[in-house]
Protein backbone atom coordinates (compact mmCIF):
# COMPACT_ATOMS: atom_id res chain seq x y z
CA MET A 1 1.64 27.14 -6.21
CA SER A 2 3.33 28.28 -3.02
CA ALA A 3 5.54 31.35 -3.06
CA SER A 4 9.31 31.06 -2.96
CA PRO A 5 10.38 30.51 0.67
CA ALA A 6 13.34 32.82 0.20
CA ARG A 7 11.08 35.79 -0.58
CA HIS A 8 7.69 35.24 1.01
CA ASP A 9 7.71 32.29 3.45
CA LEU A 10 9.58 31.48 6.62
CA GLN A 11 10.55 27.97 7.71
CA LEU A 12 10.80 27.31 11.46
CA PRO A 13 10.69 24.33 13.80
CA LEU A 14 7.40 23.10 15.21
CA LEU A 15 6.64 25.36 18.18
CA ASP A 16 5.97 22.75 20.86
CA PRO A 17 8.75 20.12 21.17
CA SER A 18 6.34 17.74 22.90
CA ILE A 19 4.37 17.26 19.67
CA ALA A 20 7.31 17.50 17.29
CA THR A 21 9.52 14.98 15.55
CA PRO A 22 12.41 15.58 13.11
CA GLU A 23 9.87 15.12 10.29
CA TRP A 24 7.62 17.99 11.47
CA SER A 25 7.90 21.67 10.60
CA VAL A 26 5.83 24.83 10.60
CA ARG A 27 5.91 27.23 7.65
CA VAL A 28 4.76 30.83 8.11
CA SER A 29 3.29 32.11 4.84
CA ALA A 30 2.37 35.68 4.00
CA ARG A 31 -0.25 34.35 1.57
CA SER A 32 -2.03 31.95 3.95
CA ARG A 33 -5.36 32.95 5.45
CA ARG A 34 -5.88 29.87 7.63
CA LEU A 35 -3.95 27.03 9.21
CA THR A 36 -3.43 23.96 7.02
CA VAL A 37 -1.49 20.73 7.33
CA ARG A 38 0.06 18.60 4.61
CA VAL A 39 1.67 15.17 4.85
CA TYR A 40 4.21 14.39 2.15
CA PRO A 41 5.22 11.03 0.67
CA GLY A 42 7.69 9.57 3.13
CA GLY A 43 5.77 10.90 6.14
CA ARG A 44 7.08 14.47 6.52
CA VAL A 45 4.49 16.82 8.07
CA GLU A 46 4.30 20.52 7.31
CA VAL A 47 1.89 22.91 9.04
CA THR A 48 1.33 26.18 7.17
CA VAL A 49 0.12 29.17 9.19
CA PRO A 50 -0.67 32.83 8.45
CA ARG A 51 1.86 35.41 9.56
CA GLY A 52 1.25 36.45 13.19
CA THR A 53 -0.29 33.14 14.30
CA ARG A 54 0.32 32.48 18.00
CA ALA A 55 2.06 29.33 19.17
CA GLU A 56 -0.98 28.26 21.17
CA ALA A 57 -3.15 28.35 18.05
CA VAL A 58 -0.71 26.11 16.18
CA GLU A 59 -0.62 23.64 19.06
CA ARG A 60 -4.44 23.51 19.26
CA PHE A 61 -4.68 23.00 15.52
CA VAL A 62 -2.19 20.13 15.58
CA ALA A 63 -3.93 18.51 18.55
CA GLU A 64 -7.33 18.73 16.83
CA HIS A 65 -6.00 17.08 13.67
CA ARG A 66 -3.49 14.69 15.25
CA ARG A 67 -5.51 11.53 14.59
CA TRP A 68 -5.81 12.37 10.87
CA ILE A 69 -2.14 13.39 10.69
CA ASP A 70 -0.94 10.17 12.32
CA ALA A 71 -3.05 8.07 9.94
CA ARG A 72 -1.68 9.91 6.91
CA VAL A 73 1.91 9.62 8.14
CA LYS A 74 1.47 5.87 8.57
CA GLU A 75 0.01 5.61 5.08
CA LEU A 76 2.58 7.79 3.30
CA ARG A 77 5.68 6.68 5.16
CA ALA A 78 5.56 3.46 3.14
CA PHE A 79 6.09 5.49 -0.04
CA LYS A 80 9.52 6.81 0.92
CA ARG A 81 11.70 6.64 -2.16
CA THR A 82 14.95 4.85 -2.77
CA ARG A 83 17.04 5.67 -5.80
CA GLU A 84 17.39 3.08 -8.48
CA PRO A 85 20.95 2.61 -9.82
CA THR A 86 19.77 1.62 -13.30
CA LEU A 87 17.78 3.25 -16.08
CA PRO A 88 14.40 1.83 -17.13
CA GLU A 89 14.14 -0.31 -20.23
CA GLU A 90 10.37 0.12 -20.27
CA VAL A 91 8.05 2.93 -19.15
CA ARG A 92 4.36 2.17 -18.62
CA LEU A 93 1.85 5.04 -18.73
CA PRO A 94 -1.47 3.62 -17.47
CA ALA A 95 -3.26 6.96 -17.88
CA LEU A 96 -2.76 6.66 -21.65
CA GLY A 97 -2.80 2.89 -21.93
CA GLN A 98 0.73 3.00 -23.30
CA SER A 99 3.94 1.07 -22.77
CA TRP A 100 7.21 2.47 -24.10
CA GLY A 101 10.46 0.66 -24.67
CA VAL A 102 13.54 2.78 -24.03
CA ARG A 103 16.77 2.41 -25.99
CA TYR A 104 19.93 4.20 -24.86
CA VAL A 105 22.29 5.25 -27.65
CA ASN A 106 25.81 6.46 -27.01
CA ARG A 107 26.11 9.65 -29.07
CA PRO A 108 28.10 12.88 -28.58
CA ARG A 109 25.00 15.03 -28.76
CA PRO A 110 22.59 14.20 -25.91
CA GLY A 111 18.81 14.32 -26.15
CA TRP A 112 15.85 12.07 -26.88
CA ARG A 113 13.67 11.09 -29.85
CA VAL A 114 10.45 9.18 -30.33
CA VAL A 115 11.33 6.56 -32.92
CA ASN A 116 7.80 5.26 -33.32
CA ASP A 117 4.74 4.51 -31.21
CA GLY A 118 6.14 2.58 -28.29
CA LEU A 119 9.87 3.21 -28.74
CA LEU A 120 11.92 6.05 -27.26
CA GLU A 121 15.62 6.66 -27.85
CA VAL A 122 17.75 8.54 -25.32
CA TYR A 123 21.07 9.90 -26.61
CA GLY A 124 24.28 10.63 -24.75
CA ASN A 125 26.59 8.69 -22.48
CA PRO A 126 24.53 5.83 -20.98
CA ASP A 127 26.86 5.83 -17.97
CA ASN A 128 25.81 9.37 -17.11
CA LEU A 129 22.65 8.40 -15.21
CA PRO A 130 21.61 11.90 -14.05
CA ARG A 131 21.77 13.25 -17.63
CA ALA A 132 19.83 10.28 -19.03
CA ARG A 133 17.15 10.75 -16.36
CA THR A 134 16.93 14.42 -17.28
CA HIS A 135 16.11 13.48 -20.88
CA LEU A 136 13.55 10.91 -19.73
CA ARG A 137 11.84 13.55 -17.59
CA ALA A 138 11.81 16.01 -20.50
CA TRP A 139 10.08 13.40 -22.64
CA LEU A 140 7.63 12.66 -19.82
CA THR A 141 6.73 16.34 -19.44
CA GLN A 142 6.12 16.80 -23.16
CA THR A 143 4.03 13.64 -23.28
CA ALA A 144 1.94 14.89 -20.36
CA ARG A 145 1.47 18.30 -21.98
CA GLU A 146 0.33 16.80 -25.28
CA ALA A 147 -2.00 14.24 -23.68
CA LEU A 148 -3.38 15.73 -20.46
CA GLU A 149 -4.15 19.33 -21.43
CA PRO A 150 -6.60 18.32 -24.22
CA LYS A 151 -8.25 15.86 -21.81
CA LEU A 152 -8.63 18.56 -19.17
CA ARG A 153 -10.10 21.11 -21.57
CA ALA A 154 -12.48 18.55 -23.06
CA LEU A 155 -13.67 17.56 -19.59
CA ALA A 156 -14.13 21.21 -18.62
CA ALA A 157 -16.27 21.87 -21.71
CA GLU A 158 -18.29 18.72 -21.08
CA ARG A 159 -19.02 19.68 -17.45
CA GLY A 160 -19.48 23.42 -17.91
CA PHE A 161 -16.25 24.70 -16.35
CA GLU A 162 -13.97 27.45 -17.64
CA VAL A 163 -10.22 26.95 -17.55
CA GLY A 164 -7.50 29.57 -17.90
CA GLY A 165 -3.93 28.48 -18.47
CA VAL A 166 -2.80 24.89 -18.06
CA GLN A 167 0.66 23.96 -16.80
CA MET A 168 2.48 20.65 -16.42
CA ARG A 169 4.81 20.32 -13.46
CA ARG A 170 6.87 17.55 -11.93
CA GLN A 171 5.89 18.12 -8.32
CA HIS A 172 6.88 16.14 -5.26
CA THR A 173 3.81 16.90 -3.14
CA ARG A 174 0.76 17.81 -5.23
CA TRP A 175 -1.13 16.03 -7.96
CA GLY A 176 -2.66 19.28 -9.14
CA SER A 177 -3.55 22.83 -8.14
CA CYS A 178 -5.85 25.64 -9.20
CA SER A 179 -5.16 29.36 -8.94
CA ARG A 180 -7.76 32.04 -8.27
CA SER A 181 -7.50 33.09 -11.91
CA GLY A 182 -8.68 29.64 -13.01
CA SER A 183 -5.30 28.36 -14.17
CA ILE A 184 -4.71 24.68 -13.42
CA SER A 185 -1.41 22.87 -12.88
CA LEU A 186 -1.19 19.11 -13.33
CA ASN A 187 1.56 16.84 -12.10
CA VAL A 188 3.19 14.93 -14.96
CA CYS A 189 3.22 11.89 -12.66
CA LEU A 190 -0.51 11.54 -13.28
CA LEU A 191 0.59 9.59 -16.35
CA PHE A 192 1.43 6.72 -13.98
CA GLN A 193 -2.13 6.59 -12.59
CA THR A 194 -5.26 4.97 -14.01
CA GLY A 195 -7.53 6.91 -16.34
CA ALA A 196 -10.31 7.00 -13.73
CA VAL A 197 -8.00 8.52 -11.12
CA VAL A 198 -6.71 11.14 -13.58
CA ARG A 199 -10.27 12.09 -14.50
CA TYR A 200 -11.15 12.47 -10.82
CA LEU A 201 -8.13 14.70 -10.15
CA MET A 202 -9.08 16.87 -13.11
CA LEU A 203 -12.66 17.19 -11.85
CA HIS A 204 -11.31 18.00 -8.39
CA GLU A 205 -9.26 20.91 -9.74
CA LEU A 206 -12.07 22.07 -12.02
CA CYS A 207 -14.38 22.27 -9.01
CA HIS A 208 -11.81 24.56 -7.39
CA THR A 209 -12.53 27.08 -10.13
CA HIS A 210 -15.87 27.52 -8.33
CA GLU A 211 -14.86 26.78 -4.73
CA MET A 212 -11.30 27.72 -3.67
CA ASN A 213 -11.43 25.61 -0.51
CA HIS A 214 -12.25 22.13 0.76
CA SER A 215 -15.52 23.03 2.42
CA GLY A 216 -18.61 20.87 2.52
CA ARG A 217 -19.95 22.83 -0.44
CA PHE A 218 -16.82 22.00 -2.43
CA TRP A 219 -17.10 18.26 -1.75
CA ARG A 220 -20.80 18.28 -2.65
CA LEU A 221 -19.86 19.86 -5.96
CA VAL A 222 -17.21 17.18 -6.52
CA GLU A 223 -19.72 14.46 -5.68
CA SER A 224 -22.22 15.84 -8.16
CA HIS A 225 -19.64 15.25 -10.90
CA GLU A 226 -18.02 12.09 -9.49
CA PRO A 227 -20.07 10.05 -6.98
CA ALA A 228 -17.14 7.66 -6.41
CA TRP A 229 -14.74 10.44 -5.42
CA ARG A 230 -13.91 8.93 -2.02
CA GLU A 231 -12.58 5.70 -3.48
CA LEU A 232 -10.73 7.55 -6.24
CA ASP A 233 -9.27 10.06 -3.79
CA ALA A 234 -7.92 7.21 -1.65
CA GLU A 235 -6.43 5.59 -4.74
CA LEU A 236 -4.81 8.88 -5.72
CA THR A 237 -3.30 9.20 -2.24
CA ARG A 238 -1.64 5.82 -2.73
CA GLY A 239 -0.63 6.75 -6.27
CA TRP A 240 2.93 7.76 -5.34
CA GLN A 241 3.87 4.11 -5.15
CA HIS A 242 3.29 3.84 -8.93
CA VAL A 243 5.75 6.64 -9.79
CA PRO A 244 9.20 5.28 -10.79
CA ASP A 245 12.17 6.53 -8.81
CA TRP A 246 13.92 7.88 -11.92
CA VAL A 247 11.28 10.60 -12.12
CA TYR A 248 12.75 12.24 -8.99
CA ALA A 249 16.24 10.74 -8.65
């Protein structure tokens, strides 16, 4: 996880206006050891650089990676979200092979309850859309915690990896992450992906417990556990289109 910008990171415009657009920014991070670039769903580009990096180095880095960046922007710009005015009556979780009906009940005390396998009740004022979405997200997070952590730990034991803590997060930009201590965070939105894609993402993060980078050695390790990683990685990149808008609205 990245440090809080207010305490450790500095946001600033891209240094060279000739290569910048309103969707580009450079973030100076005290924790970074090298230059990296990330393209977010919707097409926003963020370049992260170590403190003290010269402007010329940032410009060279962007120029070297511009073809890849432009391709990713084109791919991810199509996933820009629009808010839905209504609440879902059904929630499909392909990762678990489940489909849930959702019933909204007008009650003074808000919350949610699993009525039975396949039926979820959300309590409160149905006209209060933000509150109802909050309860749906709470249910989604608990479902992810109960389903994905055991899958991750079982996969780690099967493949000979050691895992520290496991966290579930509703992130906008990452499907998962691994800390140097071996703790792994998973995005609850993995529930909207196929089982094969979720397994690949888990293997990807488990491999980071051995290689904290994306070097050739890292990708060879990934390939030894999942030969089809390229196809699955591409599918995961497109996976934002399967996440309902209520998850972030």
